[in-house]
Amino acid sequence: MKPKYLFLLKFLGISLLLFIFSHTILYGYALVLGYIITFFNPQYRVPSDIVGFIYISSITMLAFIALILSTPKVPIEKKAGFILIGMLVYMIIDFYGVQHIIFPQGTPPLDEDSFLRELYLSSKWILPFLLWIVMSYSYFGNFFRQTTEVSSMAD
């Protein structure tokens, strides 16, 4: 089977598996984020609906994990490191975004049509692909080399 098709099948399978457990994974992530925010900023009052917001806005984290796990020729140790680094990036973005952009302390939450809220949510949709490309770029050689060899043989 061609590496591209194998990658797509692995990505689909891992994505489905992660989606089955998404409630537990994302609820746990939102809970940990709430504790981290409370630990670093004890005066910040964590909003009651933060779990629902983080749950919805961080579902792309599952796509990032699936992309990393399905990338071929990456050693397991590197995959684990990539996932940890990616989770840290997600935590930093959510930590800052929740406290200063979405639910700033002392003011009402941002309106749904706010530019900053849209920018925050858009960054969450782009983030899994950016992280995957940056972290796995050196392993993409075999993905695209085969296509160029075939096209040069056709000429």
Protein backbone atom coordinates (compact mmCIF):
# COMPACT_ATOMS: atom_id res chain seq x y z
CA MET A 1 0.00 0.00 0.00
CA LYS A 2 1.25 3.49 -0.84
CA PRO A 3 2.54 5.50 2.14
CA LYS A 4 0.05 8.32 1.50
CA TYR A 5 -2.93 5.98 1.65
CA LEU A 6 -1.55 4.23 4.72
CA PHE A 7 -1.10 7.61 6.39
CA LEU A 8 -4.68 8.58 5.58
CA LEU A 9 -6.04 5.28 6.90
CA LYS A 10 -4.02 5.57 10.10
CA PHE A 11 -5.14 9.19 10.51
CA LEU A 12 -8.78 8.23 10.04
CA GLY A 13 -8.54 5.31 12.48
CA ILE A 14 -6.72 7.27 15.17
CA SER A 15 -9.09 10.22 14.73
CA LEU A 16 -12.10 7.98 15.18
CA LEU A 17 -10.58 6.39 18.26
CA LEU A 18 -9.76 9.77 19.77
CA PHE A 19 -13.23 11.04 18.92
CA ILE A 20 -14.77 8.15 20.83
CA PHE A 21 -12.84 9.23 23.94
CA SER A 22 -13.01 12.97 23.17
CA HIS A 23 -15.36 13.79 26.04
CA THR A 24 -12.97 12.37 28.63
CA ILE A 25 -9.83 13.81 27.00
CA LEU A 26 -11.18 17.32 26.48
CA TYR A 27 -13.01 17.51 29.79
CA GLY A 28 -9.77 16.50 31.54
CA TYR A 29 -7.83 19.10 29.55
CA ALA A 30 -10.32 21.84 30.49
CA LEU A 31 -10.17 20.80 34.15
CA VAL A 32 -6.36 20.88 34.20
CA LEU A 33 -6.38 24.26 32.47
CA GLY A 34 -8.77 25.61 35.11
CA TYR A 35 -6.49 24.41 37.89
CA ILE A 36 -3.42 25.91 36.19
CA ILE A 37 -5.16 29.27 35.77
CA THR A 38 -6.20 29.23 39.43
CA PHE A 39 -2.68 28.25 40.54
CA PHE A 40 -0.87 30.99 38.60
CA ASN A 41 -3.46 33.68 39.18
CA PRO A 42 -5.31 33.05 42.48
CA GLN A 43 -7.27 36.31 42.15
CA TYR A 44 -8.75 35.24 38.81
CA ARG A 45 -12.22 33.85 39.17
CA VAL A 46 -12.55 30.97 36.71
CA PRO A 47 -15.89 31.33 34.90
CA SER A 48 -18.38 28.54 35.40
CA ASP A 49 -18.79 27.96 31.67
CA ILE A 50 -15.06 27.68 30.96
CA VAL A 51 -15.22 23.89 30.67
CA GLY A 52 -17.79 24.05 27.88
CA PHE A 53 -15.88 26.78 26.05
CA ILE A 54 -12.50 25.05 26.29
CA TYR A 55 -14.09 21.72 25.40
CA ILE A 56 -15.47 23.12 22.14
CA SER A 57 -12.48 25.30 21.24
CA SER A 58 -9.88 22.58 21.87
CA ILE A 59 -11.37 19.78 19.83
CA THR A 60 -8.72 20.49 17.17
CA MET A 61 -6.16 19.19 19.66
CA LEU A 62 -7.42 15.70 18.78
CA ALA A 63 -6.58 16.35 15.12
CA PHE A 64 -3.05 17.35 16.12
CA ILE A 65 -2.57 14.19 18.16
CA ALA A 66 -3.93 12.06 15.31
CA LEU A 67 -1.67 13.76 12.77
CA ILE A 68 1.43 13.20 14.91
CA LEU A 69 0.57 9.58 15.72
CA SER A 70 -0.13 8.70 12.09
CA THR A 71 2.99 10.32 10.61
CA PRO A 72 5.21 7.49 9.35
CA LYS A 73 8.86 6.94 10.24
CA VAL A 74 8.75 9.08 13.39
CA PRO A 75 10.13 7.21 16.42
CA ILE A 76 7.74 6.71 19.34
CA GLU A 77 9.90 8.86 21.66
CA LYS A 78 9.76 11.76 19.21
CA LYS A 79 6.00 11.37 18.79
CA ALA A 80 5.57 11.53 22.56
CA GLY A 81 7.79 14.62 22.71
CA PHE A 82 5.92 16.28 19.85
CA ILE A 83 2.59 15.63 21.55
CA LEU A 84 3.87 17.04 24.86
CA ILE A 85 5.22 20.16 23.15
CA GLY A 86 1.95 20.57 21.24
CA MET A 87 -0.09 20.21 24.42
CA LEU A 88 2.12 22.84 26.07
CA VAL A 89 1.51 25.22 23.15
CA TYR A 90 -2.24 24.61 23.43
CA MET A 91 -2.06 25.23 27.21
CA ILE A 92 -0.17 28.50 26.76
CA ILE A 93 -2.60 29.76 24.12
CA ASP A 94 -5.61 28.77 26.23
CA PHE A 95 -4.05 30.10 29.43
CA TYR A 96 -3.48 33.51 27.90
CA GLY A 97 -6.61 33.50 25.74
CA VAL A 98 -9.01 32.63 28.52
CA GLN A 99 -7.62 35.11 31.05
CA HIS A 100 -6.98 38.07 28.79
CA ILE A 101 -9.10 37.69 25.66
CA ILE A 102 -12.24 35.58 26.15
CA PHE A 103 -13.02 35.96 29.88
CA PRO A 104 -11.05 39.01 31.09
CA GLN A 105 -11.40 39.57 34.81
CA GLY A 106 -13.61 42.45 35.85
CA THR A 107 -15.27 42.85 32.46
CA PRO A 108 -17.97 40.87 30.69
CA PRO A 109 -16.87 38.08 28.34
CA LEU A 110 -16.14 39.05 24.78
CA ASP A 111 -19.04 39.19 22.38
CA GLU A 112 -19.39 36.29 19.92
CA ASP A 113 -18.68 38.70 17.03
CA SER A 114 -15.54 40.18 18.56
CA PHE A 115 -12.47 40.29 16.34
CA LEU A 116 -10.20 39.03 19.12
CA ARG A 117 -12.49 36.09 19.82
CA GLU A 118 -12.56 35.20 16.12
CA LEU A 119 -8.77 35.49 15.95
CA TYR A 120 -8.41 33.24 18.99
CA LEU A 121 -10.76 30.60 17.59
CA SER A 122 -9.20 30.80 14.11
CA SER A 123 -5.77 30.24 15.58
CA LYS A 124 -7.10 27.13 17.29
CA TRP A 125 -8.22 25.73 13.91
CA ILE A 126 -4.89 26.45 12.20
CA LEU A 127 -2.71 25.34 15.13
CA PRO A 128 -2.84 21.53 14.67
CA PHE A 129 -1.65 21.76 11.08
CA LEU A 130 1.05 24.32 11.83
CA LEU A 131 2.39 22.30 14.75
CA TRP A 132 2.31 19.09 12.71
CA ILE A 133 4.17 20.64 9.76
CA VAL A 134 6.79 22.32 11.96
CA MET A 135 7.43 19.25 14.10
CA SER A 136 7.27 16.56 11.42
CA TYR A 137 8.78 18.42 8.47
CA SER A 138 11.99 16.41 8.44
CA TYR A 139 9.96 13.18 8.10
CA PHE A 140 7.94 14.33 5.07
CA GLY A 141 10.68 13.45 2.55
CA ASN A 142 9.35 10.01 1.72
CA PHE A 143 5.82 11.36 1.39
CA PHE A 144 6.53 13.57 -1.59
CA ARG A 145 9.67 12.06 -3.10
CA GLN A 146 7.73 9.15 -4.55
CA THR A 147 5.44 11.49 -6.50
CA THR A 148 8.33 13.40 -8.07
CA GLU A 149 10.11 10.19 -9.08
CA VAL A 150 6.98 8.88 -10.78
CA SER A 151 6.34 12.17 -12.57
CA SER A 152 9.96 12.37 -13.78
CA MET A 153 9.74 8.80 -15.10
CA ALA A 154 6.62 9.74 -17.07
CA ASP A 155 8.47 12.52 -18.90
